[in-house]
Amino acid sequence: MAKATLTLLLLLLSFASEILVMVNGQKTWCVAKPSTDQATLLANLNFACSHVDCRILQGGCPCSSPDNLMNHASIAMNLYYQAKGRNQWNCDFRCSGLIVMTNPSYGDCIYA
């Protein structure tokens, strides 16, 4: 009985996270909170890029500019968030991530 209850609870939690991530079927993205300090942005960038391919940030690529930590961390955090299934916890980054419903793409830099 306890195993069935745990399975049901996990299923409900998974469903609840999908509701948070997909509001009315709308895609979501993960970006850094504007109030995030530079050290945290750098840590987020390094963490995300150690788990996903961040070549899109290399010089000459569409997302390399503007060349600042806020921009690069946001792109890396979103790459991680998208790759890991767009779960709420994949955008936490120690409370420095923010799930948004407005596409943050700009110019030729397309957020996945």
PDB file of N, CA and C in Angstrom:
ATOM      1  N   MET A   1       0.821  -1.198   0.000  1.00  0.00           N
ATOM      2  CA  MET A   1       0.000   0.000   0.000  1.00  0.00           C
ATOM      3  C   MET A   1       0.870   1.269   0.000  1.00  0.00           C
ATOM      4  N   ALA A   2       1.947   1.286   0.794  1.00  0.00           N
ATOM      5  CA  ALA A   2       2.824   2.454   0.874  1.00  0.00           C
ATOM      6  C   ALA A   2       3.501   2.717  -0.471  1.00  0.00           C
ATOM      7  N   LYS A   3       3.891   1.664  -1.184  1.00  0.00           N
ATOM      8  CA  LYS A   3       4.548   1.827  -2.480  1.00  0.00           C
ATOM      9  C   LYS A   3       3.586   2.453  -3.489  1.00  0.00           C
ATOM     10  N   ALA A   4       2.341   2.035  -3.482  1.00  0.00           N
ATOM     11  CA  ALA A   4       1.337   2.597  -4.392  1.00  0.00           C
ATOM     12  C   ALA A   4       1.094   4.066  -4.073  1.00  0.00           C
ATOM     13  N   THR A   5       1.075   4.410  -2.801  1.00  0.00           N
ATOM     14  CA  THR A   5       0.874   5.796  -2.389  1.00  0.00           C
ATOM     15  C   THR A   5       2.041   6.664  -2.839  1.00  0.00           C
ATOM     16  N   LEU A   6       3.263   6.148  -2.665  1.00  0.00           N
ATOM     17  CA  LEU A   6       4.449   6.885  -3.093  1.00  0.00           C
ATOM     18  C   LEU A   6       4.448   7.075  -4.608  1.00  0.00           C
ATOM     19  N   THR A   7       4.086   6.043  -5.342  1.00  0.00           N
ATOM     20  CA  THR A   7       4.019   6.135  -6.798  1.00  0.00           C
ATOM     21  C   THR A   7       2.996   7.179  -7.225  1.00  0.00           C
ATOM     22  N   LEU A   8       1.846   7.188  -6.593  1.00  0.00           N
ATOM     23  CA  LEU A   8       0.809   8.168  -6.902  1.00  0.00           C
ATOM     24  C   LEU A   8       1.290   9.579  -6.579  1.00  0.00           C
ATOM     25  N   LEU A   9       1.959   9.734  -5.438  1.00  0.00           N
ATOM     26  CA  LEU A   9       2.473  11.045  -5.042  1.00  0.00           C
ATOM     27  C   LEU A   9       3.495  11.544  -6.054  1.00  0.00           C
ATOM     28  N   LEU A  10       4.402  10.675  -6.491  1.00  0.00           N
ATOM     29  CA  LEU A  10       5.399  11.062  -7.485  1.00  0.00           C
ATOM     30  C   LEU A  10       4.737  11.441  -8.803  1.00  0.00           C
ATOM     31  N   LEU A  11       3.723  10.711  -9.186  1.00  0.00           N
ATOM     32  CA  LEU A  11       2.989  11.024 -10.408  1.00  0.00           C
ATOM     33  C   LEU A  11       2.319  12.389 -10.301  1.00  0.00           C
ATOM     34  N   LEU A  12       1.708  12.667  -9.173  1.00  0.00           N
ATOM     35  CA  LEU A  12       1.059  13.964  -8.964  1.00  0.00           C
ATOM     36  C   LEU A  12       2.066  15.102  -8.965  1.00  0.00           C
ATOM     37  N   LEU A  13       3.224  14.900  -8.331  1.00  0.00           N
ATOM     38  CA  LEU A  13       4.255  15.928  -8.324  1.00  0.00           C
ATOM     39  C   LEU A  13       4.760  16.195  -9.732  1.00  0.00           C
ATOM     40  N   SER A  14       4.932  15.148 -10.509  1.00  0.00           N
ATOM     41  CA  SER A  14       5.377  15.301 -11.885  1.00  0.00           C
ATOM     42  C   SER A  14       4.336  16.077 -12.689  1.00  0.00           C
ATOM     43  N   PHE A  15       3.082  15.748 -12.512  1.00  0.00           N
ATOM     44  CA  PHE A  15       2.000  16.436 -13.205  1.00  0.00           C
ATOM     45  C   PHE A  15       1.944  17.900 -12.788  1.00  0.00           C
ATOM     46  N   ALA A  16       2.096  18.175 -11.496  1.00  0.00           N
ATOM     47  CA  ALA A  16       2.054  19.549 -10.992  1.00  0.00           C
ATOM     48  C   ALA A  16       3.188  20.371 -11.587  1.00  0.00           C
ATOM     49  N   SER A  17       4.373  19.790 -11.716  1.00  0.00           N
ATOM     50  CA  SER A  17       5.492  20.531 -12.292  1.00  0.00           C
ATOM     51  C   SER A  17       5.232  20.837 -13.760  1.00  0.00           C
ATOM     52  N   GLU A  18       4.588  19.935 -14.475  1.00  0.00           N
ATOM     53  CA  GLU A  18       4.258  20.191 -15.871  1.00  0.00           C
ATOM     54  C   GLU A  18       3.254  21.331 -15.992  1.00  0.00           C
ATOM     55  N   ILE A  19       2.328  21.424 -15.050  1.00  0.00           N
ATOM     56  CA  ILE A  19       1.375  22.531 -15.069  1.00  0.00           C
ATOM     57  C   ILE A  19       2.109  23.844 -14.887  1.00  0.00           C
ATOM     58  N   LEU A  20       3.077  23.872 -13.979  1.00  0.00           N
ATOM     59  CA  LEU A  20       3.851  25.091 -13.753  1.00  0.00           C
ATOM     60  C   LEU A  20       4.694  25.455 -14.969  1.00  0.00           C
ATOM     61  N   VAL A  21       5.242  24.451 -15.632  1.00  0.00           N
ATOM     62  CA  VAL A  21       6.129  24.688 -16.755  1.00  0.00           C
ATOM     63  C   VAL A  21       5.361  25.031 -18.023  1.00  0.00           C
ATOM     64  N   MET A  22       4.279  24.370 -18.266  1.00  0.00           N
ATOM     65  CA  MET A  22       3.508  24.611 -19.478  1.00  0.00           C
ATOM     66  C   MET A  22       2.161  25.207 -19.086  1.00  0.00           C
ATOM     67  N   VAL A  23       2.065  26.492 -19.111  1.00  0.00           N
ATOM     68  CA  VAL A  23       0.826  27.170 -18.782  1.00  0.00           C
ATOM     69  C   VAL A  23       0.014  27.307 -20.058  1.00  0.00           C
ATOM     70  N   ASN A  24      -1.135  26.652 -20.087  1.00  0.00           N
ATOM     71  CA  ASN A  24      -1.992  26.650 -21.271  1.00  0.00           C
ATOM     72  C   ASN A  24      -1.231  26.220 -22.523  1.00  0.00           C
ATOM     73  N   GLY A  25      -0.314  25.277 -22.373  1.00  0.00           N
ATOM     74  CA  GLY A  25       0.433  24.770 -23.503  1.00  0.00           C
ATOM     75  C   GLY A  25       1.524  25.699 -24.007  1.00  0.00           C
ATOM     76  N   GLN A  26       1.771  26.788 -23.303  1.00  0.00           N
ATOM     77  CA  GLN A  26       2.768  27.754 -23.739  1.00  0.00           C
ATOM     78  C   GLN A  26       4.167  27.316 -23.325  1.00  0.00           C
ATOM     79  N   LYS A  27       5.124  27.484 -24.208  1.00  0.00           N
ATOM     80  CA  LYS A  27       6.516  27.143 -23.920  1.00  0.00           C
ATOM     81  C   LYS A  27       7.078  28.097 -22.869  1.00  0.00           C
ATOM     82  N   THR A  28       8.030  27.593 -22.101  1.00  0.00           N
ATOM     83  CA  THR A  28       8.686  28.401 -21.076  1.00  0.00           C
ATOM     84  C   THR A  28      10.192  28.362 -21.275  1.00  0.00           C
ATOM     85  N   TRP A  29      10.860  29.363 -20.729  1.00  0.00           N
ATOM     86  CA  TRP A  29      12.309  29.474 -20.794  1.00  0.00           C
ATOM     87  C   TRP A  29      12.833  29.790 -19.403  1.00  0.00           C
ATOM     88  N   CYS A  30      14.113  29.552 -19.198  1.00  0.00           N
ATOM     89  CA  CYS A  30      14.766  29.847 -17.928  1.00  0.00           C
ATOM     90  C   CYS A  30      15.823  30.922 -18.154  1.00  0.00           C
ATOM     91  N   VAL A  31      15.780  31.954 -17.350  1.00  0.00           N
ATOM     92  CA  VAL A  31      16.779  33.021 -17.413  1.00  0.00           C
ATOM     93  C   VAL A  31      17.246  33.343 -16.000  1.00  0.00           C
ATOM     94  N   ALA A  32      18.332  34.060 -15.908  1.00  0.00           N
ATOM     95  CA  ALA A  32      18.843  34.490 -14.606  1.00  0.00           C
ATOM     96  C   ALA A  32      17.996  35.646 -14.091  1.00  0.00           C
ATOM     97  N   LYS A  33      17.735  35.626 -12.787  1.00  0.00           N
ATOM     98  CA  LYS A  33      17.032  36.755 -12.182  1.00  0.00           C
ATOM     99  C   LYS A  33      17.909  38.005 -12.315  1.00  0.00           C
ATOM    100  N   PRO A  34      17.311  39.138 -12.633  1.00  0.00           N
ATOM    101  CA  PRO A  34      18.083  40.371 -12.807  1.00  0.00           C
ATOM    102  C   PRO A  34      18.897  40.771 -11.568  1.00  0.00           C
ATOM    103  N   SER A  35      18.476  40.351 -10.395  1.00  0.00           N
ATOM    104  CA  SER A  35      19.164  40.725  -9.153  1.00  0.00           C
ATOM    105  C   SER A  35      20.340  39.808  -8.817  1.00  0.00           C
ATOM    106  N   THR A  36      20.635  38.834  -9.668  1.00  0.00           N
ATOM    107  CA  THR A  36      21.678  37.856  -9.384  1.00  0.00           C
ATOM    108  C   THR A  36      23.068  38.496  -9.440  1.00  0.00           C
ATOM    109  N   ASP A  37      23.877  38.199  -8.419  1.00  0.00           N
ATOM    110  CA  ASP A  37      25.228  38.771  -8.367  1.00  0.00           C
ATOM    111  C   ASP A  37      26.154  38.061  -9.358  1.00  0.00           C
ATOM    112  N   GLN A  38      27.271  38.707  -9.667  1.00  0.00           N
ATOM    113  CA  GLN A  38      28.208  38.222 -10.672  1.00  0.00           C
ATOM    114  C   GLN A  38      28.787  36.845 -10.339  1.00  0.00           C
ATOM    115  N   ALA A  39      29.107  36.602  -9.076  1.00  0.00           N
ATOM    116  CA  ALA A  39      29.684  35.315  -8.677  1.00  0.00           C
ATOM    117  C   ALA A  39      28.690  34.181  -8.927  1.00  0.00           C
ATOM    118  N   THR A  40      27.422  34.410  -8.631  1.00  0.00           N
ATOM    119  CA  THR A  40      26.390  33.391  -8.852  1.00  0.00           C
ATOM    120  C   THR A  40      26.171  33.179 -10.344  1.00  0.00           C
ATOM    121  N   LEU A  41      26.174  34.255 -11.116  1.00  0.00           N
ATOM    122  CA  LEU A  41      26.024  34.128 -12.569  1.00  0.00           C
ATOM    123  C   LEU A  41      27.156  33.273 -13.144  1.00  0.00           C
ATOM    124  N   LEU A  42      28.377  33.520 -12.691  1.00  0.00           N
ATOM    125  CA  LEU A  42      29.521  32.746 -13.175  1.00  0.00           C
ATOM    126  C   LEU A  42      29.398  31.275 -12.773  1.00  0.00           C
ATOM    127  N   ALA A  43      28.972  31.028 -11.534  1.00  0.00           N
ATOM    128  CA  ALA A  43      28.773  29.651 -11.074  1.00  0.00           C
ATOM    129  C   ALA A  43      27.691  28.957 -11.902  1.00  0.00           C
ATOM    130  N   ASN A  44      26.597  29.659 -12.191  1.00  0.00           N
ATOM    131  CA  ASN A  44      25.511  29.088 -13.001  1.00  0.00           C
ATOM    132  C   ASN A  44      26.001  28.776 -14.415  1.00  0.00           C
ATOM    133  N   LEU A  45      26.755  29.692 -14.990  1.00  0.00           N
ATOM    134  CA  LEU A  45      27.300  29.504 -16.330  1.00  0.00           C
ATOM    135  C   LEU A  45      28.201  28.269 -16.364  1.00  0.00           C
ATOM    136  N   ASN A  46      29.103  28.178 -15.399  1.00  0.00           N
ATOM    137  CA  ASN A  46      30.025  27.034 -15.354  1.00  0.00           C
ATOM    138  C   ASN A  46      29.287  25.722 -15.118  1.00  0.00           C
ATOM    139  N   PHE A  47      28.308  25.721 -14.214  1.00  0.00           N
ATOM    140  CA  PHE A  47      27.547  24.505 -13.936  1.00  0.00           C
ATOM    141  C   PHE A  47      26.785  24.054 -15.176  1.00  0.00           C
ATOM    142  N   ALA A  48      26.017  24.966 -15.761  1.00  0.00           N
ATOM    143  CA  ALA A  48      25.187  24.601 -16.914  1.00  0.00           C
ATOM    144  C   ALA A  48      26.057  24.107 -18.068  1.00  0.00           C
ATOM    145  N   CYS A  49      27.149  24.814 -18.336  1.00  0.00           N
ATOM    146  CA  CYS A  49      28.004  24.441 -19.472  1.00  0.00           C
ATOM    147  C   CYS A  49      28.806  23.173 -19.219  1.00  0.00           C
ATOM    148  N   SER A  50      28.861  22.721 -17.965  1.00  0.00           N
ATOM    149  CA  SER A  50      29.507  21.437 -17.691  1.00  0.00           C
ATOM    150  C   SER A  50      28.560  20.277 -17.967  1.00  0.00           C
ATOM    151  N   HIS A  51      27.264  20.597 -18.207  1.00  0.00           N
ATOM    152  CA  HIS A  51      26.257  19.569 -18.458  1.00  0.00           C
ATOM    153  C   HIS A  51      25.639  19.629 -19.858  1.00  0.00           C
ATOM    154  N   VAL A  52      25.753  20.769 -20.519  1.00  0.00           N
ATOM    155  CA  VAL A  52      25.178  20.930 -21.859  1.00  0.00           C
ATOM    156  C   VAL A  52      26.191  21.616 -22.774  1.00  0.00           C
ATOM    157  N   ASP A  53      25.948  21.553 -24.055  1.00  0.00           N
ATOM    158  CA  ASP A  53      26.828  22.158 -25.056  1.00  0.00           C
ATOM    159  C   ASP A  53      26.564  23.663 -25.130  1.00  0.00           C
ATOM    160  N   CYS A  54      27.538  24.457 -24.742  1.00  0.00           N
ATOM    161  CA  CYS A  54      27.391  25.918 -24.730  1.00  0.00           C
ATOM    162  C   CYS A  54      28.164  26.603 -25.856  1.00  0.00           C
ATOM    163  N   ARG A  55      28.454  25.874 -26.921  1.00  0.00           N
ATOM    164  CA  ARG A  55      29.214  26.474 -28.030  1.00  0.00           C
ATOM    165  C   ARG A  55      28.514  27.687 -28.631  1.00  0.00           C
ATOM    166  N   ILE A  56      27.223  27.788 -28.449  1.00  0.00           N
ATOM    167  CA  ILE A  56      26.459  28.922 -28.980  1.00  0.00           C
ATOM    168  C   ILE A  56      26.928  30.256 -28.383  1.00  0.00           C
ATOM    169  N   LEU A  57      27.690  30.178 -27.279  1.00  0.00           N
ATOM    170  CA  LEU A  57      28.196  31.381 -26.615  1.00  0.00           C
ATOM    171  C   LEU A  57      29.583  31.798 -27.101  1.00  0.00           C
ATOM    172  N   GLN A  58      30.221  30.967 -27.921  1.00  0.00           N
ATOM    173  CA  GLN A  58      31.567  31.282 -28.397  1.00  0.00           C
ATOM    174  C   GLN A  58      31.555  32.510 -29.282  1.00  0.00           C
ATOM    175  N   GLY A  59      32.669  33.218 -29.277  1.00  0.00           N
ATOM    176  CA  GLY A  59      32.811  34.408 -30.103  1.00  0.00           C
ATOM    177  C   GLY A  59      32.421  34.150 -31.546  1.00  0.00           C
ATOM    178  N   GLY A  60      31.694  35.074 -32.122  1.00  0.00           N
ATOM    179  CA  GLY A  60      31.250  34.934 -33.501  1.00  0.00           C
ATOM    180  C   GLY A  60      29.902  34.241 -33.657  1.00  0.00           C
ATOM    181  N   CYS A  61      29.454  33.557 -32.612  1.00  0.00           N
ATOM    182  CA  CYS A  61      28.140  32.907 -32.654  1.00  0.00           C
ATOM    183  C   CYS A  61      27.065  33.938 -32.312  1.00  0.00           C
ATOM    184  N   PRO A  62      25.835  33.708 -32.753  1.00  0.00           N
ATOM    185  CA  PRO A  62      24.769  34.698 -32.559  1.00  0.00           C
ATOM    186  C   PRO A  62      24.506  35.091 -31.100  1.00  0.00           C
ATOM    187  N   CYS A  63      24.754  34.178 -30.170  1.00  0.00           N
ATOM    188  CA  CYS A  63      24.437  34.476 -28.764  1.00  0.00           C
ATOM    189  C   CYS A  63      25.657  34.940 -27.960  1.00  0.00           C
ATOM    190  N   SER A  64      26.784  35.195 -28.642  1.00  0.00           N
ATOM    191  CA  SER A  64      27.977  35.636 -27.917  1.00  0.00           C
ATOM    192  C   SER A  64      27.905  37.110 -27.535  1.00  0.00           C
ATOM    193  N   SER A  65      27.002  37.832 -28.164  1.00  0.00           N
ATOM    194  CA  SER A  65      26.860  39.259 -27.895  1.00  0.00           C
ATOM    195  C   SER A  65      25.439  39.543 -27.415  1.00  0.00           C
ATOM    196  N   PRO A  66      25.248  40.361 -26.404  1.00  0.00           N
ATOM    197  CA  PRO A  66      26.286  41.088 -25.677  1.00  0.00           C
ATOM    198  C   PRO A  66      27.118  40.149 -24.803  1.00  0.00           C
ATOM    199  N   ASP A  67      28.390  40.476 -24.707  1.00  0.00           N
ATOM    200  CA  ASP A  67      29.350  39.663 -23.978  1.00  0.00           C
ATOM    201  C   ASP A  67      29.375  40.080 -22.509  1.00  0.00           C
ATOM    202  N   ASN A  68      28.371  39.579 -21.760  1.00  0.00           N
ATOM    203  CA  ASN A  68      28.347  39.848 -20.318  1.00  0.00           C
ATOM    204  C   ASN A  68      27.798  38.625 -19.598  1.00  0.00           C
ATOM    205  N   LEU A  69      28.066  38.551 -18.304  1.00  0.00           N
ATOM    206  CA  LEU A  69      27.677  37.374 -17.527  1.00  0.00           C
ATOM    207  C   LEU A  69      26.171  37.159 -17.479  1.00  0.00           C
ATOM    208  N   MET A  70      25.400  38.208 -17.367  1.00  0.00           N
ATOM    209  CA  MET A  70      23.940  38.067 -17.291  1.00  0.00           C
ATOM    210  C   MET A  70      23.419  37.383 -18.553  1.00  0.00           C
ATOM    211  N   ASN A  71      23.876  37.842 -19.703  1.00  0.00           N
ATOM    212  CA  ASN A  71      23.435  37.261 -20.969  1.00  0.00           C
ATOM    213  C   ASN A  71      23.903  35.816 -21.108  1.00  0.00           C
ATOM    214  N   HIS A  72      25.171  35.587 -20.898  1.00  0.00           N
ATOM    215  CA  HIS A  72      25.712  34.238 -21.091  1.00  0.00           C
ATOM    216  C   HIS A  72      25.150  33.250 -20.082  1.00  0.00           C
ATOM    217  N   ALA A  73      25.005  33.668 -18.832  1.00  0.00           N
ATOM    218  CA  ALA A  73      24.439  32.769 -17.819  1.00  0.00           C
ATOM    219  C   ALA A  73      22.993  32.430 -18.168  1.00  0.00           C
ATOM    220  N   SER A  74      22.217  33.404 -18.597  1.00  0.00           N
ATOM    221  CA  SER A  74      20.815  33.158 -18.951  1.00  0.00           C
ATOM    222  C   SER A  74      20.709  32.153 -20.090  1.00  0.00           C
ATOM    223  N   ILE A  75      21.540  32.297 -21.097  1.00  0.00           N
ATOM    224  CA  ILE A  75      21.500  31.372 -22.230  1.00  0.00           C
ATOM    225  C   ILE A  75      21.897  29.972 -21.782  1.00  0.00           C
ATOM    226  N   ALA A  76      22.967  29.873 -20.995  1.00  0.00           N
ATOM    227  CA  ALA A  76      23.422  28.564 -20.506  1.00  0.00           C
ATOM    228  C   ALA A  76      22.381  27.926 -19.591  1.00  0.00           C
ATOM    229  N   MET A  77      21.787  28.715 -18.714  1.00  0.00           N
ATOM    230  CA  MET A  77      20.760  28.202 -17.808  1.00  0.00           C
ATOM    231  C   MET A  77      19.570  27.681 -18.606  1.00  0.00           C
ATOM    232  N   ASN A  78      19.193  28.398 -19.662  1.00  0.00           N
ATOM    233  CA  ASN A  78      18.073  27.940 -20.485  1.00  0.00           C
ATOM    234  C   ASN A  78      18.425  26.663 -21.243  1.00  0.00           C
ATOM    235  N   LEU A  79      19.641  26.572 -21.759  1.00  0.00           N
ATOM    236  CA  LEU A  79      20.067  25.343 -22.435  1.00  0.00           C
ATOM    237  C   LEU A  79      19.942  24.152 -21.490  1.00  0.00           C
ATOM    238  N   TYR A  80      20.382  24.345 -20.254  1.00  0.00           N
ATOM    239  CA  TYR A  80      20.301  23.288 -19.244  1.00  0.00           C
ATOM    240  C   TYR A  80      18.839  22.944 -18.950  1.00  0.00           C
ATOM    241  N   TYR A  81      18.030  23.959 -18.716  1.00  0.00           N
ATOM    242  CA  TYR A  81      16.604  23.805 -18.410  1.00  0.00           C
ATOM    243  C   TYR A  81      15.885  23.037 -19.516  1.00  0.00           C
ATOM    244  N   GLN A  82      16.131  23.412 -20.765  1.00  0.00           N
ATOM    245  CA  GLN A  82      15.480  22.745 -21.892  1.00  0.00           C
ATOM    246  C   GLN A  82      15.959  21.299 -22.005  1.00  0.00           C
ATOM    247  N   ALA A  83      17.272  21.082 -21.861  1.00  0.00           N
ATOM    248  CA  ALA A  83      17.843  19.741 -22.012  1.00  0.00           C
ATOM    249  C   ALA A  83      17.382  18.784 -20.921  1.00  0.00           C
ATOM    250  N   LYS A  84      17.112  19.293 -19.748  1.00  0.00           N
ATOM    251  CA  LYS A  84      16.744  18.443 -18.613  1.00  0.00           C
ATOM    252  C   LYS A  84      15.232  18.262 -18.478  1.00  0.00           C
ATOM    253  N   GLY A  85      14.455  18.773 -19.415  1.00  0.00           N
ATOM    254  CA  GLY A  85      13.026  18.481 -19.426  1.00  0.00           C
ATOM    255  C   GLY A  85      12.108  19.608 -18.997  1.00  0.00           C
ATOM    256  N   ARG A  86      12.633  20.821 -18.859  1.00  0.00           N
ATOM    257  CA  ARG A  86      11.834  21.995 -18.484  1.00  0.00           C
ATOM    258  C   ARG A  86      11.060  21.779 -17.187  1.00  0.00           C
ATOM    259  N   ASN A  87      11.707  21.160 -16.222  1.00  0.00           N
ATOM    260  CA  ASN A  87      11.105  21.018 -14.900  1.00  0.00           C
ATOM    261  C   ASN A  87      11.447  22.246 -14.070  1.00  0.00           C
ATOM    262  N   GLN A  88      10.566  22.602 -13.207  1.00  0.00           N
ATOM    263  CA  GLN A  88      10.753  23.775 -12.354  1.00  0.00           C
ATOM    264  C   GLN A  88      12.101  23.729 -11.634  1.00  0.00           C
ATOM    265  N   TRP A  89      12.476  22.555 -11.141  1.00  0.00           N
ATOM    266  CA  TRP A  89      13.725  22.438 -10.386  1.00  0.00           C
ATOM    267  C   TRP A  89      14.958  22.559 -11.274  1.00  0.00           C
ATOM    268  N   ASN A  90      14.811  22.419 -12.578  1.00  0.00           N
ATOM    269  CA  ASN A  90      15.946  22.578 -13.479  1.00  0.00           C
ATOM    270  C   ASN A  90      16.241  24.038 -13.784  1.00  0.00           C
ATOM    271  N   CYS A  91      15.454  24.938 -13.215  1.00  0.00           N
ATOM    272  CA  CYS A  91      15.697  26.378 -13.366  1.00  0.00           C
ATOM    273  C   CYS A  91      15.892  27.035 -12.007  1.00  0.00           C
ATOM    274  N   ASP A  92      16.146  26.257 -10.990  1.00  0.00           N
ATOM    275  CA  ASP A  92      16.297  26.841  -9.657  1.00  0.00           C
ATOM    276  C   ASP A  92      17.636  27.559  -9.502  1.00  0.00           C
ATOM    277  N   PHE A  93      18.721  26.881  -9.799  1.00  0.00           N
ATOM    278  CA  PHE A  93      20.057  27.463  -9.691  1.00  0.00           C
ATOM    279  C   PHE A  93      20.221  28.245  -8.382  1.00  0.00           C
ATOM    280  N   ARG A  94      19.919  27.545  -7.284  1.00  0.00           N
ATOM    281  CA  ARG A  94      20.000  28.138  -5.935  1.00  0.00           C
ATOM    282  C   ARG A  94      19.197  29.438  -5.843  1.00  0.00           C
ATOM    283  N   CYS A  95      17.997  29.375  -6.363  1.00  0.00           N
ATOM    284  CA  CYS A  95      17.021  30.491  -6.335  1.00  0.00           C
ATOM    285  C   CYS A  95      17.430  31.683  -7.205  1.00  0.00           C
ATOM    286  N   SER A  96      18.309  31.469  -8.173  1.00  0.00           N
ATOM    287  CA  SER A  96      18.711  32.582  -9.034  1.00  0.00           C
ATOM    288  C   SER A  96      18.145  32.461 -10.449  1.00  0.00           C
ATOM    289  N   GLY A  97      17.356  31.409 -10.695  1.00  0.00           N
ATOM    290  CA  GLY A  97      16.733  31.233 -12.001  1.00  0.00           C
ATOM    291  C   GLY A  97      15.284  31.683 -11.988  1.00  0.00           C
ATOM    292  N   LEU A  98      14.817  32.081 -13.143  1.00  0.00           N
ATOM    293  CA  LEU A  98      13.455  32.581 -13.283  1.00  0.00           C
ATOM    294  C   LEU A  98      12.838  31.957 -14.532  1.00  0.00           C
ATOM    295  N   ILE A  99      11.698  31.294 -14.378  1.00  0.00           N
ATOM    296  CA  ILE A  99      10.986  30.735 -15.524  1.00  0.00           C
ATOM    297  C   ILE A  99      10.103  31.833 -16.116  1.00  0.00           C
ATOM    298  N   VAL A 100      10.266  32.044 -17.427  1.00  0.00           N
ATOM    299  CA  VAL A 100       9.503  33.096 -18.099  1.00  0.00           C
ATOM    300  C   VAL A 100       8.674  32.497 -19.225  1.00  0.00           C
ATOM    301  N   MET A 101       7.595  33.170 -19.562  1.00  0.00           N
ATOM    302  CA  MET A 101       6.706  32.726 -20.629  1.00  0.00           C
ATOM    303  C   MET A 101       6.871  33.583 -21.882  1.00  0.00           C
ATOM    304  N   THR A 102       7.706  34.613 -21.801  1.00  0.00           N
ATOM    305  CA  THR A 102       7.997  35.459 -22.951  1.00  0.00           C
ATOM    306  C   THR A 102       9.335  35.028 -23.529  1.00  0.00           C
ATOM    307  N   ASN A 103       9.357  34.724 -24.798  1.00  0.00           N
ATOM    308  CA  ASN A 103      10.570  34.248 -25.448  1.00  0.00           C
ATOM    309  C   ASN A 103      11.675  35.303 -25.337  1.00  0.00           C
ATOM    310  N   PRO A 104      12.801  34.951 -24.696  1.00  0.00           N
ATOM    311  CA  PRO A 104      13.890  35.918 -24.518  1.00  0.00           C
ATOM    312  C   PRO A 104      14.829  36.025 -25.724  1.00  0.00           C
ATOM    313  N   SER A 105      14.520  35.360 -26.830  1.00  0.00           N
ATOM    314  CA  SER A 105      15.368  35.431 -28.023  1.00  0.00           C
ATOM    315  C   SER A 105      15.518  36.877 -28.477  1.00  0.00           C
ATOM    316  N   TYR A 106      16.668  37.167 -29.094  1.00  0.00           N
ATOM    317  CA  TYR A 106      16.917  38.516 -29.604  1.00  0.00           C
ATOM    318  C   TYR A 106      17.796  38.409 -30.843  1.00  0.00           C
ATOM    319  N   GLY A 107      17.558  39.265 -31.801  1.00  0.00           N
ATOM    320  CA  GLY A 107      18.348  39.231 -33.030  1.00  0.00           C
ATOM    321  C   GLY A 107      18.410  37.825 -33.607  1.00  0.00           C
ATOM    322  N   ASP A 108      19.631  37.363 -33.870  1.00  0.00           N
ATOM    323  CA  ASP A 108      19.838  36.007 -34.382  1.00  0.00           C
ATOM    324  C   ASP A 108      20.058  34.988 -33.284  1.00  0.00           C
ATOM    325  N   CYS A 109      19.984  35.415 -32.026  1.00  0.00           N
ATOM    326  CA  CYS A 109      20.174  34.512 -30.891  1.00  0.00           C
ATOM    327  C   CYS A 109      18.797  33.947 -30.519  1.00  0.00           C
ATOM    328  N   ILE A 110      18.587  32.693 -30.881  1.00  0.00           N
ATOM    329  CA  ILE A 110      17.309  32.034 -30.657  1.00  0.00           C
ATOM    330  C   ILE A 110      17.423  31.116 -29.455  1.00  0.00           C
ATOM    331  N   TYR A 111      16.647  31.402 -28.426  1.00  0.00           N
ATOM    332  CA  TYR A 111      16.582  30.532 -27.259  1.00  0.00           C
ATOM    333  C   TYR A 111      15.796  29.284 -27.646  1.00  0.00           C
ATOM    334  N   ALA A 112      16.354  28.119 -27.364  1.00  0.00           N
ATOM    335  CA  ALA A 112      15.701  26.852 -27.715  1.00  0.00           C
ATOM    336  C   ALA A 112      14.387  26.707 -26.984  1.00  0.00           C
TER     337      ALA A 112
END
